[in-house]
N, C-alpha and C. Protein backbone atom coordinates (compact mmCIF):
# COMPACT_ATOMS: atom_id res chain seq x y z
N UNK A 1 -224.60 89.89 47.61
CA UNK A 1 -224.62 88.85 46.61
C UNK A 1 -223.73 89.27 45.44
N UNK A 2 -222.83 88.39 45.03
CA UNK A 2 -221.91 88.69 43.94
C UNK A 2 -222.55 88.35 42.60
N UNK A 3 -222.25 89.15 41.58
CA UNK A 3 -222.79 88.86 40.25
C UNK A 3 -222.21 87.55 39.72
N UNK A 4 -223.02 86.81 39.02
CA UNK A 4 -222.57 85.54 38.47
C UNK A 4 -221.68 85.79 37.26
N UNK A 5 -220.84 84.82 36.90
CA UNK A 5 -220.01 84.98 35.70
C UNK A 5 -220.87 85.21 34.45
N UNK A 6 -222.03 84.60 34.38
CA UNK A 6 -222.91 84.79 33.22
C UNK A 6 -223.36 86.24 33.13
N UNK A 7 -223.60 86.87 34.26
CA UNK A 7 -224.01 88.26 34.29
C UNK A 7 -222.89 89.16 33.78
N UNK A 8 -221.67 88.90 34.22
CA UNK A 8 -220.52 89.68 33.76
C UNK A 8 -220.30 89.49 32.27
N UNK A 9 -220.41 88.26 31.82
CA UNK A 9 -220.21 87.95 30.40
C UNK A 9 -221.25 88.64 29.54
N UNK A 10 -222.49 88.69 30.01
CA UNK A 10 -223.54 89.32 29.21
C UNK A 10 -223.28 90.81 29.05
N UNK A 11 -222.74 91.47 30.07
CA UNK A 11 -222.43 92.89 29.95
C UNK A 11 -221.30 93.12 28.96
N UNK A 12 -220.29 92.29 29.02
CA UNK A 12 -219.16 92.43 28.10
C UNK A 12 -219.59 92.05 26.69
N UNK A 13 -220.48 91.08 26.57
CA UNK A 13 -220.95 90.67 25.24
C UNK A 13 -221.62 91.82 24.52
N UNK A 14 -222.24 92.70 25.27
CA UNK A 14 -222.87 93.87 24.65
C UNK A 14 -221.84 94.65 23.85
N UNK A 15 -220.65 94.82 24.41
CA UNK A 15 -219.62 95.58 23.72
C UNK A 15 -219.19 94.91 22.43
N UNK A 16 -219.44 93.64 22.31
CA UNK A 16 -219.02 92.92 21.12
C UNK A 16 -220.11 92.79 20.08
N UNK A 17 -221.33 93.17 20.37
CA UNK A 17 -222.32 93.01 19.33
C UNK A 17 -223.75 93.37 19.65
N UNK A 18 -224.10 93.60 20.91
CA UNK A 18 -225.49 93.92 21.25
C UNK A 18 -225.56 95.41 21.53
N UNK A 19 -226.00 96.18 20.58
CA UNK A 19 -225.98 97.63 20.69
C UNK A 19 -227.35 98.23 20.42
N UNK A 20 -227.58 99.42 20.96
CA UNK A 20 -228.80 100.15 20.64
C UNK A 20 -228.79 100.49 19.16
N UNK A 21 -229.92 100.39 18.55
CA UNK A 21 -230.04 100.81 17.16
C UNK A 21 -230.48 102.27 17.17
N UNK A 22 -229.63 103.13 16.66
CA UNK A 22 -229.88 104.56 16.67
C UNK A 22 -229.85 105.12 15.26
N UNK A 23 -230.56 106.21 15.02
CA UNK A 23 -230.49 106.83 13.70
C UNK A 23 -229.10 107.41 13.46
N UNK A 24 -228.70 107.47 12.22
CA UNK A 24 -227.38 108.01 11.87
C UNK A 24 -227.33 109.50 12.19
N UNK A 25 -226.17 109.95 12.66
CA UNK A 25 -226.00 111.36 13.00
C UNK A 25 -225.32 112.08 11.85
N UNK A 26 -225.75 113.30 11.58
CA UNK A 26 -225.16 114.07 10.50
C UNK A 26 -224.36 115.26 11.00
N UNK A 27 -224.17 115.39 12.30
CA UNK A 27 -223.48 116.54 12.86
C UNK A 27 -221.96 116.38 12.75
N UNK A 28 -221.28 117.49 12.65
CA UNK A 28 -219.82 117.46 12.56
C UNK A 28 -219.21 117.25 13.93
N UNK A 29 -217.98 116.73 13.94
CA UNK A 29 -217.29 116.53 15.20
C UNK A 29 -216.86 117.87 15.78
N UNK A 30 -217.06 118.04 17.09
CA UNK A 30 -216.72 119.29 17.73
C UNK A 30 -215.73 119.10 18.88
N UNK A 31 -215.65 117.94 19.46
CA UNK A 31 -214.79 117.67 20.60
C UNK A 31 -213.80 116.59 20.23
N UNK A 32 -212.52 116.79 20.59
CA UNK A 32 -211.51 115.77 20.32
C UNK A 32 -211.52 114.75 21.45
N UNK A 33 -212.00 113.57 21.15
CA UNK A 33 -212.05 112.49 22.13
C UNK A 33 -211.10 111.37 21.76
N UNK A 34 -210.26 111.58 20.75
CA UNK A 34 -209.37 110.51 20.30
C UNK A 34 -208.40 110.11 21.40
N UNK A 35 -208.06 108.83 21.41
CA UNK A 35 -207.14 108.30 22.40
C UNK A 35 -207.49 106.87 22.75
N UNK A 36 -206.74 106.32 23.68
CA UNK A 36 -206.95 104.95 24.13
C UNK A 36 -207.66 104.99 25.48
N UNK A 37 -208.77 104.29 25.58
CA UNK A 37 -209.58 104.28 26.79
C UNK A 37 -209.57 102.90 27.44
N UNK A 38 -209.46 102.88 28.75
CA UNK A 38 -209.49 101.64 29.53
C UNK A 38 -210.78 101.59 30.33
N UNK A 39 -211.41 100.44 30.39
CA UNK A 39 -212.61 100.29 31.21
C UNK A 39 -212.20 100.36 32.68
N UNK A 40 -212.78 101.30 33.41
CA UNK A 40 -212.41 101.49 34.81
C UNK A 40 -213.53 101.11 35.77
N UNK A 41 -214.76 101.01 35.28
CA UNK A 41 -215.87 100.65 36.16
C UNK A 41 -217.00 100.05 35.34
N UNK A 42 -217.71 99.14 35.98
CA UNK A 42 -218.89 98.53 35.37
C UNK A 42 -219.94 98.36 36.46
N UNK A 43 -221.19 98.64 36.11
CA UNK A 43 -222.30 98.47 37.05
C UNK A 43 -223.36 97.61 36.39
N UNK A 44 -223.91 96.69 37.17
CA UNK A 44 -225.02 95.86 36.73
C UNK A 44 -226.07 95.93 37.83
N UNK A 45 -227.26 96.35 37.49
CA UNK A 45 -228.34 96.55 38.48
C UNK A 45 -227.89 97.46 39.61
N UNK A 46 -227.04 98.46 39.32
CA UNK A 46 -226.58 99.40 40.33
C UNK A 46 -225.45 98.90 41.18
N UNK A 47 -224.97 97.67 40.95
CA UNK A 47 -223.87 97.11 41.73
C UNK A 47 -222.59 97.12 40.90
N UNK A 48 -221.50 97.55 41.51
CA UNK A 48 -220.22 97.62 40.82
C UNK A 48 -219.63 96.22 40.71
N UNK A 49 -219.19 95.88 39.49
CA UNK A 49 -218.54 94.60 39.23
C UNK A 49 -217.19 94.88 38.58
N UNK A 50 -216.24 93.96 38.68
CA UNK A 50 -214.94 94.17 38.04
C UNK A 50 -215.10 94.32 36.53
N UNK A 51 -214.37 95.25 35.96
CA UNK A 51 -214.46 95.48 34.51
C UNK A 51 -213.21 94.92 33.85
N UNK A 52 -213.39 93.93 33.02
CA UNK A 52 -212.28 93.30 32.31
C UNK A 52 -212.42 93.46 30.80
N UNK A 53 -213.20 94.44 30.38
CA UNK A 53 -213.43 94.66 28.96
C UNK A 53 -212.15 95.13 28.26
N UNK A 54 -212.08 94.87 26.98
CA UNK A 54 -210.93 95.29 26.17
C UNK A 54 -210.87 96.81 26.07
N UNK A 55 -209.67 97.37 25.85
CA UNK A 55 -209.56 98.81 25.68
C UNK A 55 -210.28 99.28 24.41
N UNK A 56 -210.75 100.51 24.44
CA UNK A 56 -211.41 101.15 23.32
C UNK A 56 -210.45 102.20 22.77
N UNK A 57 -210.17 102.14 21.47
CA UNK A 57 -209.28 103.11 20.84
C UNK A 57 -210.07 103.95 19.86
N UNK A 58 -210.07 105.26 20.08
CA UNK A 58 -210.69 106.22 19.17
C UNK A 58 -209.56 106.95 18.46
N UNK A 59 -209.46 106.74 17.15
CA UNK A 59 -208.34 107.29 16.37
C UNK A 59 -208.66 108.70 15.88
N UNK A 60 -207.61 109.45 15.56
CA UNK A 60 -207.75 110.84 15.09
C UNK A 60 -208.55 110.94 13.80
N UNK A 61 -208.57 109.89 13.00
CA UNK A 61 -209.24 109.93 11.70
C UNK A 61 -210.73 109.58 11.76
N UNK A 62 -211.29 109.47 12.99
CA UNK A 62 -212.71 109.17 13.13
C UNK A 62 -213.03 107.69 13.13
N UNK A 63 -212.02 106.84 13.21
CA UNK A 63 -212.21 105.39 13.26
C UNK A 63 -212.01 104.92 14.70
N UNK A 64 -212.62 103.78 15.05
CA UNK A 64 -212.42 103.21 16.38
C UNK A 64 -212.09 101.73 16.26
N UNK A 65 -211.57 101.18 17.35
CA UNK A 65 -211.26 99.76 17.42
C UNK A 65 -211.55 99.25 18.83
N UNK A 66 -212.22 98.12 18.89
CA UNK A 66 -212.55 97.49 20.17
C UNK A 66 -212.49 95.99 19.98
N UNK A 67 -211.43 95.37 20.46
CA UNK A 67 -211.23 93.92 20.38
C UNK A 67 -211.55 93.35 19.00
N UNK A 68 -210.94 93.95 17.98
CA UNK A 68 -211.11 93.47 16.61
C UNK A 68 -212.30 94.05 15.88
N UNK A 69 -213.21 94.68 16.59
CA UNK A 69 -214.36 95.33 15.94
C UNK A 69 -213.92 96.73 15.54
N UNK A 70 -214.09 97.07 14.28
CA UNK A 70 -213.68 98.36 13.78
C UNK A 70 -214.84 99.07 13.11
N UNK A 71 -214.81 100.37 13.17
CA UNK A 71 -215.85 101.17 12.55
C UNK A 71 -215.49 102.64 12.67
N UNK A 72 -216.50 103.49 12.58
CA UNK A 72 -216.26 104.93 12.68
C UNK A 72 -217.00 105.49 13.89
N UNK A 73 -216.55 106.65 14.34
CA UNK A 73 -217.25 107.32 15.44
C UNK A 73 -217.45 108.78 15.08
N UNK A 74 -218.45 109.36 15.70
CA UNK A 74 -218.80 110.75 15.46
C UNK A 74 -219.20 111.38 16.79
N UNK A 75 -218.65 112.53 17.09
CA UNK A 75 -219.03 113.26 18.29
C UNK A 75 -220.20 114.15 17.93
N UNK A 76 -221.28 114.00 18.69
CA UNK A 76 -222.50 114.77 18.46
C UNK A 76 -222.90 115.40 19.79
N UNK A 77 -222.46 116.64 20.03
CA UNK A 77 -222.72 117.30 21.30
C UNK A 77 -221.96 116.63 22.43
N UNK A 78 -222.68 116.18 23.44
CA UNK A 78 -222.08 115.50 24.58
C UNK A 78 -222.13 113.97 24.43
N UNK A 79 -222.31 113.52 23.21
CA UNK A 79 -222.39 112.08 22.92
C UNK A 79 -221.35 111.71 21.88
N UNK A 80 -220.89 110.47 21.96
CA UNK A 80 -220.05 109.90 20.92
C UNK A 80 -220.80 108.68 20.38
N UNK A 81 -220.91 108.61 19.06
CA UNK A 81 -221.67 107.54 18.42
C UNK A 81 -220.72 106.66 17.64
N UNK A 82 -220.69 105.38 17.98
CA UNK A 82 -219.86 104.40 17.31
C UNK A 82 -220.74 103.60 16.36
N UNK A 83 -220.23 103.31 15.15
CA UNK A 83 -221.04 102.53 14.22
C UNK A 83 -220.15 101.80 13.22
N UNK A 84 -220.70 100.73 12.68
CA UNK A 84 -220.13 100.07 11.53
C UNK A 84 -221.28 99.83 10.57
N UNK A 85 -221.14 98.93 9.63
CA UNK A 85 -222.19 98.76 8.62
C UNK A 85 -223.47 98.14 9.18
N UNK A 86 -223.40 97.50 10.38
CA UNK A 86 -224.56 96.80 10.90
C UNK A 86 -225.08 97.31 12.23
N UNK A 87 -224.23 97.80 13.10
CA UNK A 87 -224.66 98.19 14.44
C UNK A 87 -224.22 99.61 14.77
N UNK A 88 -224.95 100.21 15.72
CA UNK A 88 -224.63 101.55 16.20
C UNK A 88 -224.72 101.54 17.72
N UNK A 89 -223.90 102.37 18.36
CA UNK A 89 -223.93 102.50 19.80
C UNK A 89 -223.65 103.96 20.15
N UNK A 90 -224.25 104.42 21.22
CA UNK A 90 -224.08 105.80 21.65
C UNK A 90 -223.65 105.82 23.11
N UNK A 91 -222.71 106.72 23.43
CA UNK A 91 -222.22 106.85 24.80
C UNK A 91 -222.15 108.33 25.16
N UNK A 92 -222.19 108.61 26.45
CA UNK A 92 -222.13 109.98 26.97
C UNK A 92 -220.68 110.34 27.25
N UNK A 93 -220.28 111.55 26.88
CA UNK A 93 -218.95 112.05 27.21
C UNK A 93 -219.06 112.69 28.59
N UNK A 94 -218.26 112.21 29.54
CA UNK A 94 -218.33 112.67 30.93
C UNK A 94 -217.05 113.43 31.29
N UNK A 95 -217.12 114.30 32.30
CA UNK A 95 -215.92 115.03 32.75
C UNK A 95 -214.83 114.05 33.18
N UNK A 96 -213.58 114.48 33.05
CA UNK A 96 -212.46 113.65 33.46
C UNK A 96 -212.03 112.68 32.38
N UNK A 97 -212.23 113.03 31.11
CA UNK A 97 -211.83 112.19 29.98
C UNK A 97 -212.47 110.81 30.04
N UNK A 98 -213.77 110.78 30.28
CA UNK A 98 -214.50 109.52 30.40
C UNK A 98 -215.58 109.40 29.33
N UNK A 99 -215.84 108.17 28.94
CA UNK A 99 -216.94 107.84 28.04
C UNK A 99 -217.78 106.79 28.75
N UNK A 100 -219.09 107.04 28.86
CA UNK A 100 -219.98 106.17 29.64
C UNK A 100 -221.03 105.54 28.73
N UNK A 101 -221.01 104.22 28.64
CA UNK A 101 -222.01 103.47 27.89
C UNK A 101 -223.08 102.99 28.88
N UNK A 102 -224.34 103.21 28.57
CA UNK A 102 -225.45 102.71 29.38
C UNK A 102 -226.39 101.96 28.45
N UNK A 103 -226.78 100.77 28.85
CA UNK A 103 -227.63 99.95 27.99
C UNK A 103 -228.37 98.91 28.81
N UNK A 104 -229.42 98.39 28.24
CA UNK A 104 -230.17 97.31 28.87
C UNK A 104 -229.71 96.00 28.25
N UNK A 105 -229.08 95.17 29.06
CA UNK A 105 -228.57 93.88 28.61
C UNK A 105 -229.49 92.75 29.03
N UNK A 106 -229.00 91.56 28.87
CA UNK A 106 -229.76 90.36 29.20
C UNK A 106 -230.18 90.33 30.67
N UNK A 107 -229.34 90.88 31.56
CA UNK A 107 -229.61 90.83 33.00
C UNK A 107 -229.99 92.19 33.57
N UNK A 108 -230.47 93.10 32.74
CA UNK A 108 -230.91 94.40 33.23
C UNK A 108 -229.99 95.53 32.79
N UNK A 109 -230.13 96.69 33.44
CA UNK A 109 -229.35 97.87 33.06
C UNK A 109 -227.89 97.72 33.44
N UNK A 110 -227.02 98.06 32.50
CA UNK A 110 -225.57 98.00 32.70
C UNK A 110 -224.97 99.36 32.35
N UNK A 111 -223.85 99.66 32.98
CA UNK A 111 -223.12 100.88 32.69
C UNK A 111 -221.64 100.54 32.66
N UNK A 112 -220.96 100.96 31.60
CA UNK A 112 -219.53 100.72 31.45
C UNK A 112 -218.86 102.09 31.33
N UNK A 113 -217.84 102.33 32.16
CA UNK A 113 -217.14 103.61 32.16
C UNK A 113 -215.73 103.39 31.64
N UNK A 114 -215.40 104.07 30.54
CA UNK A 114 -214.06 104.03 29.97
C UNK A 114 -213.38 105.36 30.26
N UNK A 115 -212.08 105.31 30.60
CA UNK A 115 -211.35 106.52 30.95
C UNK A 115 -210.05 106.61 30.16
N UNK A 116 -209.75 107.79 29.67
CA UNK A 116 -208.50 108.06 28.95
C UNK A 116 -207.50 108.50 30.00
N UNK A 117 -206.35 107.81 30.08
CA UNK A 117 -205.44 108.07 31.20
C UNK A 117 -204.02 108.45 30.83
N UNK A 118 -203.53 108.08 29.68
CA UNK A 118 -202.10 108.20 29.39
C UNK A 118 -201.79 109.55 28.77
N UNK A 119 -200.83 110.27 29.35
CA UNK A 119 -200.38 111.54 28.79
C UNK A 119 -199.18 111.28 27.89
N UNK A 120 -199.21 111.82 26.68
CA UNK A 120 -198.09 111.64 25.75
C UNK A 120 -197.06 112.73 25.96
N UNK A 121 -195.82 112.39 25.69
CA UNK A 121 -194.72 113.32 25.83
C UNK A 121 -194.95 114.55 24.94
N UNK A 122 -194.81 115.73 25.50
CA UNK A 122 -194.97 116.95 24.74
C UNK A 122 -196.38 117.50 24.73
N UNK A 123 -197.34 116.76 25.27
CA UNK A 123 -198.72 117.25 25.31
C UNK A 123 -199.05 117.70 26.73
N UNK A 124 -199.88 118.71 26.83
CA UNK A 124 -200.28 119.19 28.16
C UNK A 124 -201.61 118.60 28.58
N UNK A 125 -202.31 117.95 27.65
CA UNK A 125 -203.59 117.33 28.00
C UNK A 125 -203.47 115.83 27.94
N UNK A 126 -204.42 115.15 28.55
CA UNK A 126 -204.41 113.71 28.52
C UNK A 126 -204.74 113.23 27.12
N UNK A 127 -204.23 112.03 26.77
CA UNK A 127 -204.54 111.50 25.44
C UNK A 127 -205.28 110.21 25.56
């Protein structure tokens, strides 16, 4: 059974405004996760669906951008926490330059995997 368009939209809508409310983190950044991330996988109820979400950009200055939504991010251990004045979201940093968001949406548990893929000229690591 294929996921309905409403199911796909609800998962993407989370990225635009439905986030876990988490306490503010006071830890310093320890891992450089800055770069441009592309959504490479999405799961809804354990089933893989096409991911058409907008790219996520984590800037060197601790700011992020996602389809016009801007705010700050902080790396706290193996987690990256995105926030603005009203909402907060937390994702797991995974091997292979990946950031994994897991959340309970309107249609159940969803997982969005973003991957950093582009290598810049003169750098030996992915950006």
